[in-house]
Amino acid sequence: MKVMSQMRALLNLSVAVLIALPAFAAIERPLIVTTQDHSLVDADDCVNFHTQNTTSLPSLAQSEEERRIGLAGINLLKVRTGNEGGVSIKGWDRPFARLTVCKSAVALSDAQARSTLRQINVAIANGEIVANGPALDETQTWWVHMILRVPRKANVDITSLNGGIAVRNMNGSVTARARNGGISLAGCAGVNNIRTENGGISLDKITGQLDATTQNGPISLKLRDDATPSIDAQTDDTGEILCHLKTCAAGNGNWTADRKHLRIGSSPSIRLTSYNADIMIEHVR
């Protein structure tokens, strides 16, 4: 029963984040609720983006814009979401990047929401994309989701404070950090460094190097049927390693006595570390 509940937790990597905004005694404090569904990560539009935000504020204003970003002379593309917002990145075969910006603002009135929306800015300079906007308070808040298509061999560095990160089909180096949000990688063949404080990590058919750590969330690693790379996985007393590879079934994995640390092969190309949750490793077609 315990194993089944752990597996369900691993398979559902959506995260709900409640963020309290400052409030005065006479005003009810609004909450920002961030939910994630990485099954929507292939969506190319703002409506179906994998991270969704809602608040108790009654008025909403939204806008969407698209920009082409030249990458000549840029060795590292940096993405910073600001206070709220998720990021989706996919590799493609074109020499430039395309950015879709999904802006949302909520406030106590329609006029204030529109005013807040006008103050949101996404600046692009020297290979860095940064979302900025007005201060969050008890009467207004905002978020920006970003959908990026970049050359597969590009190197990217992504930071999200409150929102999920999804990366697909990249061959360059990927650095992704989230404070409150899950991170999902699939089909990446480069050097990947993944960190989240609160959220699960989903890894699907990764053929490159990988170092993934979550302070408070599960890790799910799905490998191709024909792949068994060198792996080093460890969790703490509150977690468990669930390995369904043939190597583990045959007793060839090098386990510690408490089964909190698993090593397969030498010189691991994949390192997984989870605190307060489980790690699942399996093959998929």
C-alpha atoms as a PDB file:
ATOM      1  CA  MET A   1       0.000   0.000   0.000  1.00  0.00           C
ATOM      2  CA  LYS A   2       2.828   2.359   0.891  1.00  0.00           C
ATOM      3  CA  VAL A   3       4.586   1.603  -2.405  1.00  0.00           C
ATOM      4  CA  MET A   4       1.404   2.290  -4.418  1.00  0.00           C
ATOM      5  CA  SER A   5       0.899   5.673  -2.755  1.00  0.00           C
ATOM      6  CA  GLN A   6       4.547   6.509  -3.408  1.00  0.00           C
ATOM      7  CA  MET A   7       4.174   5.576  -7.079  1.00  0.00           C
ATOM      8  CA  ARG A   8       1.092   7.769  -7.444  1.00  0.00           C
ATOM      9  CA  ALA A   9       3.000  10.660  -5.913  1.00  0.00           C
ATOM     10  CA  LEU A  10       5.873  10.084  -8.313  1.00  0.00           C
ATOM     11  CA  LEU A  11       3.653   9.883 -11.374  1.00  0.00           C
ATOM     12  CA  ASN A  12       1.787  13.091 -10.515  1.00  0.00           C
ATOM     13  CA  LEU A  13       4.383  15.813 -10.367  1.00  0.00           C
ATOM     14  CA  SER A  14       1.963  18.746 -10.293  1.00  0.00           C
ATOM     15  CA  VAL A  15       2.666  21.216  -7.499  1.00  0.00           C
ATOM     16  CA  ALA A  16       0.305  23.611  -5.772  1.00  0.00           C
ATOM     17  CA  VAL A  17       2.062  26.606  -4.238  1.00  0.00           C
ATOM     18  CA  LEU A  18       0.262  28.991  -1.912  1.00  0.00           C
ATOM     19  CA  ILE A  19       1.951  32.362  -1.606  1.00  0.00           C
ATOM     20  CA  ALA A  20       0.682  34.866   0.909  1.00  0.00           C
ATOM     21  CA  LEU A  21       0.994  38.493  -0.110  1.00  0.00           C
ATOM     22  CA  PRO A  22       1.434  41.308   2.417  1.00  0.00           C
ATOM     23  CA  ALA A  23      -1.875  42.547   3.779  1.00  0.00           C
ATOM     24  CA  PHE A  24      -3.176  45.239   6.038  1.00  0.00           C
ATOM     25  CA  ALA A  25      -5.437  44.320   8.940  1.00  0.00           C
ATOM     26  CA  ALA A  26      -8.600  45.610   7.245  1.00  0.00           C
ATOM     27  CA  ILE A  27      -8.084  43.747   3.941  1.00  0.00           C
ATOM     28  CA  GLU A  28      -8.329  40.022   3.317  1.00  0.00           C
ATOM     29  CA  ARG A  29      -5.010  38.608   2.147  1.00  0.00           C
ATOM     30  CA  PRO A  30      -5.122  37.196  -1.416  1.00  0.00           C
ATOM     31  CA  LEU A  31      -3.331  33.980  -2.317  1.00  0.00           C
ATOM     32  CA  ILE A  32      -1.541  33.064  -5.512  1.00  0.00           C
ATOM     33  CA  VAL A  33      -2.143  29.394  -6.321  1.00  0.00           C
ATOM     34  CA  THR A  34       0.238  27.831  -8.841  1.00  0.00           C
ATOM     35  CA  THR A  35      -0.635  24.458 -10.348  1.00  0.00           C
ATOM     36  CA  GLN A  36       1.334  22.482 -12.922  1.00  0.00           C
ATOM     37  CA  ASP A  37       0.459  19.817 -15.446  1.00  0.00           C
ATOM     38  CA  HIS A  38       3.474  18.789 -17.493  1.00  0.00           C
ATOM     39  CA  SER A  39       1.271  16.643 -19.751  1.00  0.00           C
ATOM     40  CA  LEU A  40       0.430  19.997 -21.397  1.00  0.00           C
ATOM     41  CA  VAL A  41       4.051  20.893 -22.036  1.00  0.00           C
ATOM     42  CA  ASP A  42       3.760  20.383 -25.800  1.00  0.00           C
ATOM     43  CA  ALA A  43       1.188  23.180 -26.025  1.00  0.00           C
ATOM     44  CA  ASP A  44       2.496  26.132 -28.017  1.00  0.00           C
ATOM     45  CA  ASP A  45       0.018  28.669 -26.706  1.00  0.00           C
ATOM     46  CA  CYS A  46      -0.671  30.636 -23.539  1.00  0.00           C
ATOM     47  CA  VAL A  47      -4.142  29.157 -22.943  1.00  0.00           C
ATOM     48  CA  ASN A  48      -2.837  25.601 -22.504  1.00  0.00           C
ATOM     49  CA  PHE A  49       0.487  26.428 -20.837  1.00  0.00           C
ATOM     50  CA  HIS A  50       1.616  23.786 -18.325  1.00  0.00           C
ATOM     51  CA  THR A  51       1.711  26.185 -15.354  1.00  0.00           C
ATOM     52  CA  GLN A  52      -1.485  27.990 -14.318  1.00  0.00           C
ATOM     53  CA  ASN A  53      -1.898  30.721 -11.688  1.00  0.00           C
ATOM     54  CA  THR A  54      -5.057  31.880  -9.939  1.00  0.00           C
ATOM     55  CA  THR A  55      -5.728  34.336  -7.115  1.00  0.00           C
ATOM     56  CA  SER A  56      -8.629  35.567  -5.026  1.00  0.00           C
ATOM     57  CA  LEU A  57      -8.476  38.985  -6.714  1.00  0.00           C
ATOM     58  CA  PRO A  58     -11.572  39.473  -8.918  1.00  0.00           C
ATOM     59  CA  SER A  59     -10.314  41.259 -12.074  1.00  0.00           C
ATOM     60  CA  LEU A  60      -8.017  39.737 -14.709  1.00  0.00           C
ATOM     61  CA  ALA A  61      -6.193  41.312 -17.680  1.00  0.00           C
ATOM     62  CA  GLN A  62      -4.038  39.295 -20.098  1.00  0.00           C
ATOM     63  CA  SER A  63      -1.944  39.768 -23.197  1.00  0.00           C
ATOM     64  CA  GLU A  64       0.248  37.648 -25.465  1.00  0.00           C
ATOM     65  CA  GLU A  65       3.148  38.659 -27.648  1.00  0.00           C
ATOM     66  CA  GLU A  66       5.759  36.937 -29.781  1.00  0.00           C
ATOM     67  CA  ARG A  67       9.356  37.989 -30.395  1.00  0.00           C
ATOM     68  CA  ARG A  68      12.197  36.717 -32.527  1.00  0.00           C
ATOM     69  CA  ILE A  69      15.569  36.700 -30.730  1.00  0.00           C
ATOM     70  CA  GLY A  70      18.848  36.706 -32.624  1.00  0.00           C
ATOM     71  CA  LEU A  71      21.560  34.605 -31.013  1.00  0.00           C
ATOM     72  CA  ALA A  72      24.684  35.703 -32.893  1.00  0.00           C
ATOM     73  CA  GLY A  73      27.547  35.968 -30.391  1.00  0.00           C
ATOM     74  CA  ILE A  74      25.390  34.578 -27.533  1.00  0.00           C
ATOM     75  CA  ASN A  75      26.934  31.522 -25.875  1.00  0.00           C
ATOM     76  CA  LEU A  76      24.427  31.258 -23.011  1.00  0.00           C
ATOM     77  CA  LEU A  77      20.746  32.187 -23.057  1.00  0.00           C
ATOM     78  CA  LYS A  78      19.463  33.149 -19.579  1.00  0.00           C
ATOM     79  CA  VAL A  79      15.784  33.175 -18.628  1.00  0.00           C
ATOM     80  CA  ARG A  80      14.463  34.801 -15.413  1.00  0.00           C
ATOM     81  CA  THR A  81      10.715  34.727 -14.718  1.00  0.00           C
ATOM     82  CA  GLY A  82      10.475  37.341 -11.949  1.00  0.00           C
ATOM     83  CA  ASN A  83       8.100  36.771  -9.026  1.00  0.00           C
ATOM     84  CA  GLU A  84       5.738  34.292 -10.687  1.00  0.00           C
ATOM     85  CA  GLY A  85       5.613  32.289 -13.881  1.00  0.00           C
ATOM     86  CA  GLY A  86       6.717  29.139 -15.628  1.00  0.00           C
ATOM     87  CA  VAL A  87       9.036  28.416 -18.559  1.00  0.00           C
ATOM     88  CA  SER A  88       8.774  25.978 -21.461  1.00  0.00           C
ATOM     89  CA  ILE A  89      11.798  25.454 -23.726  1.00  0.00           C
ATOM     90  CA  LYS A  90      12.002  23.232 -26.816  1.00  0.00           C
ATOM     91  CA  GLY A  91      14.898  22.680 -29.146  1.00  0.00           C
ATOM     92  CA  TRP A  92      14.403  23.207 -32.865  1.00  0.00           C
ATOM     93  CA  ASP A  93      16.561  23.336 -36.015  1.00  0.00           C
ATOM     94  CA  ARG A  94      16.422  27.082 -36.694  1.00  0.00           C
ATOM     95  CA  PRO A  95      19.357  29.420 -35.903  1.00  0.00           C
ATOM     96  CA  PHE A  96      17.301  31.909 -33.876  1.00  0.00           C
ATOM     97  CA  ALA A  97      15.002  31.785 -30.852  1.00  0.00           C
ATOM     98  CA  ARG A  98      11.282  32.511 -30.774  1.00  0.00           C
ATOM     99  CA  LEU A  99       9.762  33.768 -27.533  1.00  0.00           C
ATOM    100  CA  THR A 100       6.054  33.749 -26.721  1.00  0.00           C
ATOM    101  CA  VAL A 101       5.269  35.903 -23.686  1.00  0.00           C
ATOM    102  CA  CYS A 102       2.069  35.217 -21.738  1.00  0.00           C
ATOM    103  CA  LYS A 103       1.298  38.140 -19.404  1.00  0.00           C
ATOM    104  CA  SER A 104      -1.408  38.125 -16.723  1.00  0.00           C
ATOM    105  CA  ALA A 105      -2.372  40.704 -14.109  1.00  0.00           C
ATOM    106  CA  VAL A 106      -5.087  40.566 -11.447  1.00  0.00           C
ATOM    107  CA  ALA A 107      -6.377  43.366  -9.245  1.00  0.00           C
ATOM    108  CA  LEU A 108      -9.395  44.719  -7.368  1.00  0.00           C
ATOM    109  CA  SER A 109     -10.861  46.374 -10.485  1.00  0.00           C
ATOM    110  CA  ASP A 110     -10.677  45.980 -14.267  1.00  0.00           C
ATOM    111  CA  ALA A 111      -8.988  49.362 -14.621  1.00  0.00           C
ATOM    112  CA  GLN A 112      -6.325  48.501 -12.066  1.00  0.00           C
ATOM    113  CA  ALA A 113      -5.712  45.092 -13.687  1.00  0.00           C
ATOM    114  CA  ARG A 114      -5.171  46.772 -17.075  1.00  0.00           C
ATOM    115  CA  SER A 115      -2.848  49.321 -15.464  1.00  0.00           C
ATOM    116  CA  THR A 116      -0.846  46.535 -13.778  1.00  0.00           C
ATOM    117  CA  LEU A 117      -0.623  44.647 -17.083  1.00  0.00           C
ATOM    118  CA  ARG A 118       0.846  47.704 -18.836  1.00  0.00           C
ATOM    119  CA  GLN A 119       3.610  47.853 -16.232  1.00  0.00           C
ATOM    120  CA  ILE A 120       4.799  44.286 -16.922  1.00  0.00           C
ATOM    121  CA  ASN A 121       7.892  44.207 -19.090  1.00  0.00           C
ATOM    122  CA  VAL A 122      10.018  41.411 -20.515  1.00  0.00           C
ATOM    123  CA  ALA A 123      13.469  42.786 -21.287  1.00  0.00           C
ATOM    124  CA  ILE A 124      15.871  41.057 -23.687  1.00  0.00           C
ATOM    125  CA  ALA A 125      19.508  42.120 -23.715  1.00  0.00           C
ATOM    126  CA  ASN A 126      22.862  40.350 -24.188  1.00  0.00           C
ATOM    127  CA  GLY A 127      21.306  36.902 -24.173  1.00  0.00           C
ATOM    128  CA  GLU A 128      19.260  37.465 -20.999  1.00  0.00           C
ATOM    129  CA  ILE A 129      15.457  37.435 -20.831  1.00  0.00           C
ATOM    130  CA  VAL A 130      14.025  38.962 -17.643  1.00  0.00           C
ATOM    131  CA  ALA A 131      10.426  39.581 -16.578  1.00  0.00           C
ATOM    132  CA  ASN A 132       9.806  42.693 -14.482  1.00  0.00           C
ATOM    133  CA  GLY A 133       6.690  44.362 -13.139  1.00  0.00           C
ATOM    134  CA  PRO A 134       5.154  46.404 -10.334  1.00  0.00           C
ATOM    135  CA  ALA A 135       5.406  45.415  -6.687  1.00  0.00           C
ATOM    136  CA  LEU A 136       2.975  42.756  -5.488  1.00  0.00           C
ATOM    137  CA  ASP A 137       0.595  43.919  -2.786  1.00  0.00           C
ATOM    138  CA  GLU A 138      -2.854  43.237  -1.359  1.00  0.00           C
ATOM    139  CA  THR A 139      -4.586  44.875  -4.352  1.00  0.00           C
ATOM    140  CA  GLN A 140      -2.655  43.564  -7.360  1.00  0.00           C
ATOM    141  CA  THR A 141      -0.358  40.813  -8.568  1.00  0.00           C
ATOM    142  CA  TRP A 142       0.947  39.534 -11.903  1.00  0.00           C
ATOM    143  CA  TRP A 143       2.820  36.708 -13.597  1.00  0.00           C
ATOM    144  CA  VAL A 144       4.578  35.963 -16.872  1.00  0.00           C
ATOM    145  CA  HIS A 145       4.855  32.562 -18.544  1.00  0.00           C
ATOM    146  CA  MET A 146       7.453  32.134 -21.286  1.00  0.00           C
ATOM    147  CA  ILE A 147       7.422  29.691 -24.210  1.00  0.00           C
ATOM    148  CA  LEU A 148      10.786  29.491 -25.969  1.00  0.00           C
ATOM    149  CA  ARG A 149      11.934  27.682 -29.076  1.00  0.00           C
ATOM    150  CA  VAL A 150      15.726  27.684 -29.340  1.00  0.00           C
ATOM    151  CA  PRO A 151      18.411  25.919 -31.411  1.00  0.00           C
ATOM    152  CA  ARG A 152      18.930  22.395 -30.043  1.00  0.00           C
ATOM    153  CA  LYS A 153      22.624  23.004 -29.408  1.00  0.00           C
ATOM    154  CA  ALA A 154      22.037  26.224 -27.444  1.00  0.00           C
ATOM    155  CA  ASN A 155      23.109  26.510 -23.808  1.00  0.00           C
ATOM    156  CA  VAL A 156      20.319  27.713 -21.503  1.00  0.00           C
ATOM    157  CA  ASP A 157      20.152  28.818 -17.864  1.00  0.00           C
ATOM    158  CA  ILE A 158      16.635  29.079 -16.399  1.00  0.00           C
ATOM    159  CA  THR A 159      15.505  30.407 -13.012  1.00  0.00           C
ATOM    160  CA  SER A 160      11.890  30.263 -11.872  1.00  0.00           C
ATOM    161  CA  LEU A 161      10.826  31.434  -8.414  1.00  0.00           C
ATOM    162  CA  ASN A 162       7.223  30.205  -8.437  1.00  0.00           C
ATOM    163  CA  GLY A 163       6.344  28.161 -11.495  1.00  0.00           C
ATOM    164  CA  GLY A 164       7.275  25.029 -13.371  1.00  0.00           C
ATOM    165  CA  ILE A 165      10.084  24.522 -15.868  1.00  0.00           C
ATOM    166  CA  ALA A 166       9.856  22.131 -18.829  1.00  0.00           C
ATOM    167  CA  VAL A 167      12.694  21.454 -21.298  1.00  0.00           C
ATOM    168  CA  ARG A 168      12.467  19.255 -24.391  1.00  0.00           C
ATOM    169  CA  ASN A 169      14.846  18.057 -27.150  1.00  0.00           C
ATOM    170  CA  MET A 170      17.999  19.942 -26.199  1.00  0.00           C
ATOM    171  CA  ASN A 171      21.586  18.893 -26.970  1.00  0.00           C
ATOM    172  CA  GLY A 172      23.426  21.794 -25.293  1.00  0.00           C
ATOM    173  CA  SER A 173      23.895  22.432 -21.590  1.00  0.00           C
ATOM    174  CA  VAL A 174      20.749  23.010 -19.520  1.00  0.00           C
ATOM    175  CA  THR A 175      20.782  24.585 -16.059  1.00  0.00           C
ATOM    176  CA  ALA A 176      17.332  24.856 -14.445  1.00  0.00           C
ATOM    177  CA  ARG A 177      16.536  26.114 -10.947  1.00  0.00           C
ATOM    178  CA  ALA A 178      13.116  26.508  -9.311  1.00  0.00           C
ATOM    179  CA  ARG A 179      12.172  27.585  -5.810  1.00  0.00           C
ATOM    180  CA  ASN A 180       8.536  26.486  -5.886  1.00  0.00           C
ATOM    181  CA  GLY A 181       7.788  24.354  -8.912  1.00  0.00           C
ATOM    182  CA  GLY A 182       8.380  21.060 -10.641  1.00  0.00           C
ATOM    183  CA  ILE A 183      10.967  20.551 -13.384  1.00  0.00           C
ATOM    184  CA  SER A 184      10.472  18.249 -16.372  1.00  0.00           C
ATOM    185  CA  LEU A 185      13.158  17.224 -18.894  1.00  0.00           C
ATOM    186  CA  ALA A 186      12.708  14.947 -21.890  1.00  0.00           C
ATOM    187  CA  GLY A 187      14.868  13.974 -24.848  1.00  0.00           C
ATOM    188  CA  CYS A 188      17.886  15.977 -23.675  1.00  0.00           C
ATOM    189  CA  ALA A 189      21.342  14.786 -24.725  1.00  0.00           C
ATOM    190  CA  GLY A 190      23.646  17.470 -23.341  1.00  0.00           C
ATOM    191  CA  VAL A 191      24.874  18.367 -19.854  1.00  0.00           C
ATOM    192  CA  ASN A 192      21.915  18.959 -17.522  1.00  0.00           C
ATOM    193  CA  ASN A 193      22.014  20.462 -14.024  1.00  0.00           C
ATOM    194  CA  ILE A 194      18.600  20.547 -12.302  1.00  0.00           C
ATOM    195  CA  ARG A 195      17.646  21.935  -8.875  1.00  0.00           C
ATOM    196  CA  THR A 196      14.308  22.609  -7.198  1.00  0.00           C
ATOM    197  CA  GLU A 197      13.497  23.391  -3.577  1.00  0.00           C
ATOM    198  CA  ASN A 198       9.807  22.448  -3.598  1.00  0.00           C
ATOM    199  CA  GLY A 199       8.616  20.287  -6.443  1.00  0.00           C
ATOM    200  CA  GLY A 200       9.042  17.011  -8.250  1.00  0.00           C
ATOM    201  CA  ILE A 201      11.506  16.269 -11.051  1.00  0.00           C
ATOM    202  CA  SER A 202      10.432  14.258 -14.102  1.00  0.00           C
ATOM    203  CA  LEU A 203      13.187  12.907 -16.397  1.00  0.00           C
ATOM    204  CA  ASP A 204      12.268  11.087 -19.608  1.00  0.00           C
ATOM    205  CA  LYS A 205      14.741   9.480 -22.027  1.00  0.00           C
ATOM    206  CA  ILE A 206      17.744  11.558 -20.999  1.00  0.00           C
ATOM    207  CA  THR A 207      20.859  10.408 -22.866  1.00  0.00           C
ATOM    208  CA  GLY A 208      23.312  13.074 -21.751  1.00  0.00           C
ATOM    209  CA  GLN A 209      24.862  13.842 -18.381  1.00  0.00           C
ATOM    210  CA  LEU A 210      22.495  14.711 -15.557  1.00  0.00           C
ATOM    211  CA  ASP A 211      22.696  15.991 -11.998  1.00  0.00           C
ATOM    212  CA  ALA A 212      19.215  16.414 -10.456  1.00  0.00           C
ATOM    213  CA  THR A 213      18.394  17.411  -6.874  1.00  0.00           C
ATOM    214  CA  THR A 214      15.114  18.234  -5.162  1.00  0.00           C
ATOM    215  CA  GLN A 215      14.887  19.323  -1.540  1.00  0.00           C
ATOM    216  CA  ASN A 216      11.228  18.440  -1.186  1.00  0.00           C
ATOM    217  CA  GLY A 217       9.792  16.284  -3.938  1.00  0.00           C
ATOM    218  CA  PRO A 218      10.017  12.966  -5.798  1.00  0.00           C
ATOM    219  CA  ILE A 219      12.173  12.136  -8.814  1.00  0.00           C
ATOM    220  CA  SER A 220      10.994   9.980 -11.707  1.00  0.00           C
ATOM    221  CA  LEU A 221      13.612   8.737 -14.203  1.00  0.00           C
ATOM    222  CA  LYS A 222      12.369   6.926 -17.314  1.00  0.00           C
ATOM    223  CA  LEU A 223      15.001   5.352 -19.573  1.00  0.00           C
ATOM    224  CA  ARG A 224      14.686   3.871 -23.034  1.00  0.00           C
ATOM    225  CA  ASP A 225      14.437   0.072 -23.122  1.00  0.00           C
ATOM    226  CA  ASP A 226      17.885  -0.187 -24.706  1.00  0.00           C
ATOM    227  CA  ALA A 227      19.624   2.179 -22.263  1.00  0.00           C
ATOM    228  CA  THR A 228      21.077   1.522 -18.811  1.00  0.00           C
ATOM    229  CA  PRO A 229      23.546   4.319 -18.045  1.00  0.00           C
ATOM    230  CA  SER A 230      25.700   4.565 -14.950  1.00  0.00           C
ATOM    231  CA  ILE A 231      23.495   5.940 -12.164  1.00  0.00           C
ATOM    232  CA  ASP A 232      24.061   7.207  -8.635  1.00  0.00           C
ATOM    233  CA  ALA A 233      20.784   7.730  -6.713  1.00  0.00           C
ATOM    234  CA  GLN A 234      20.272   8.588  -3.074  1.00  0.00           C
ATOM    235  CA  THR A 235      17.501   9.719  -0.765  1.00  0.00           C
ATOM    236  CA  ASP A 236      17.134  10.278   2.974  1.00  0.00           C
ATOM    237  CA  ASP A 237      15.249   8.484   5.769  1.00  0.00           C
ATOM    238  CA  THR A 238      11.858   9.738   4.583  1.00  0.00           C
ATOM    239  CA  GLY A 239      12.277   8.452   1.025  1.00  0.00           C
ATOM    240  CA  GLU A 240      12.789   5.186  -0.825  1.00  0.00           C
ATOM    241  CA  ILE A 241      14.466   4.191  -4.089  1.00  0.00           C
ATOM    242  CA  LEU A 242      12.181   2.170  -6.370  1.00  0.00           C
ATOM    243  CA  CYS A 243      14.223   0.634  -9.193  1.00  0.00           C
ATOM    244  CA  HIS A 244      12.402  -1.407 -11.846  1.00  0.00           C
ATOM    245  CA  LEU A 245      15.344  -1.865 -14.224  1.00  0.00           C
ATOM    246  CA  LYS A 246      16.383  -5.376 -15.231  1.00  0.00           C
ATOM    247  CA  THR A 247      19.768  -4.620 -13.685  1.00  0.00           C
ATOM    248  CA  CYS A 248      18.151  -4.089 -10.298  1.00  0.00           C
ATOM    249  CA  ALA A 249      15.857  -7.106 -10.665  1.00  0.00           C
ATOM    250  CA  ALA A 250      18.910  -9.271 -11.374  1.00  0.00           C
ATOM    251  CA  GLY A 251      20.577  -8.026  -8.198  1.00  0.00           C
ATOM    252  CA  ASN A 252      23.341  -6.218 -10.085  1.00  0.00           C
ATOM    253  CA  GLY A 253      22.688  -2.818  -8.529  1.00  0.00           C
ATOM    254  CA  ASN A 254      25.038  -1.807  -5.729  1.00  0.00           C
ATOM    255  CA  TRP A 255      22.701  -0.951  -2.823  1.00  0.00           C
ATOM    256  CA  THR A 256      23.468   0.258   0.673  1.00  0.00           C
ATOM    257  CA  ALA A 257      22.006  -1.865   3.461  1.00  0.00           C
ATOM    258  CA  ASP A 258      19.130   0.586   4.051  1.00  0.00           C
ATOM    259  CA  ARG A 259      18.396   0.828   0.295  1.00  0.00           C
ATOM    260  CA  LYS A 260      18.678   4.615   0.423  1.00  0.00           C
ATOM    261  CA  HIS A 261      21.628   4.693  -1.973  1.00  0.00           C
ATOM    262  CA  LEU A 262      21.881   2.887  -5.310  1.00  0.00           C
ATOM    263  CA  ARG A 263      24.806   2.812  -7.694  1.00  0.00           C
ATOM    264  CA  ILE A 264      24.759   1.200 -11.130  1.00  0.00           C
ATOM    265  CA  GLY A 265      28.008   1.089 -13.083  1.00  0.00           C
ATOM    266  CA  SER A 266      31.059   3.256 -12.537  1.00  0.00           C
ATOM    267  CA  SER A 267      31.631   6.975 -13.161  1.00  0.00           C
ATOM    268  CA  PRO A 268      27.895   7.826 -13.053  1.00  0.00           C
ATOM    269  CA  SER A 269      26.572   9.981 -15.888  1.00  0.00           C
ATOM    270  CA  ILE A 270      23.275  10.403 -13.996  1.00  0.00           C
ATOM    271  CA  ARG A 271      23.105  11.574 -10.372  1.00  0.00           C
ATOM    272  CA  LEU A 272      19.773  11.791  -8.536  1.00  0.00           C
ATOM    273  CA  THR A 273      19.267  13.206  -5.037  1.00  0.00           C
ATOM    274  CA  SER A 274      15.880  13.567  -3.348  1.00  0.00           C
ATOM    275  CA  TYR A 275      15.130  14.712   0.183  1.00  0.00           C
ATOM    276  CA  ASN A 276      11.756  13.980   1.829  1.00  0.00           C
ATOM    277  CA  ALA A 277      10.496  11.903  -1.101  1.00  0.00           C
ATOM    278  CA  ASP A 278      11.103   8.854  -3.291  1.00  0.00           C
ATOM    279  CA  ILE A 279      13.078   8.125  -6.439  1.00  0.00           C
ATOM    280  CA  MET A 280      11.617   5.867  -9.156  1.00  0.00           C
ATOM    281  CA  ILE A 281      13.787   4.451 -11.946  1.00  0.00           C
ATOM    282  CA  GLU A 282      12.252   2.442 -14.793  1.00  0.00           C
ATOM    283  CA  HIS A 283      12.431   1.582 -18.492  1.00  0.00           C
ATOM    284  CA  VAL A 284       9.814   2.791 -20.990  1.00  0.00           C
ATOM    285  CA  ARG A 285       9.265   2.132 -24.675  1.00  0.00           C
END
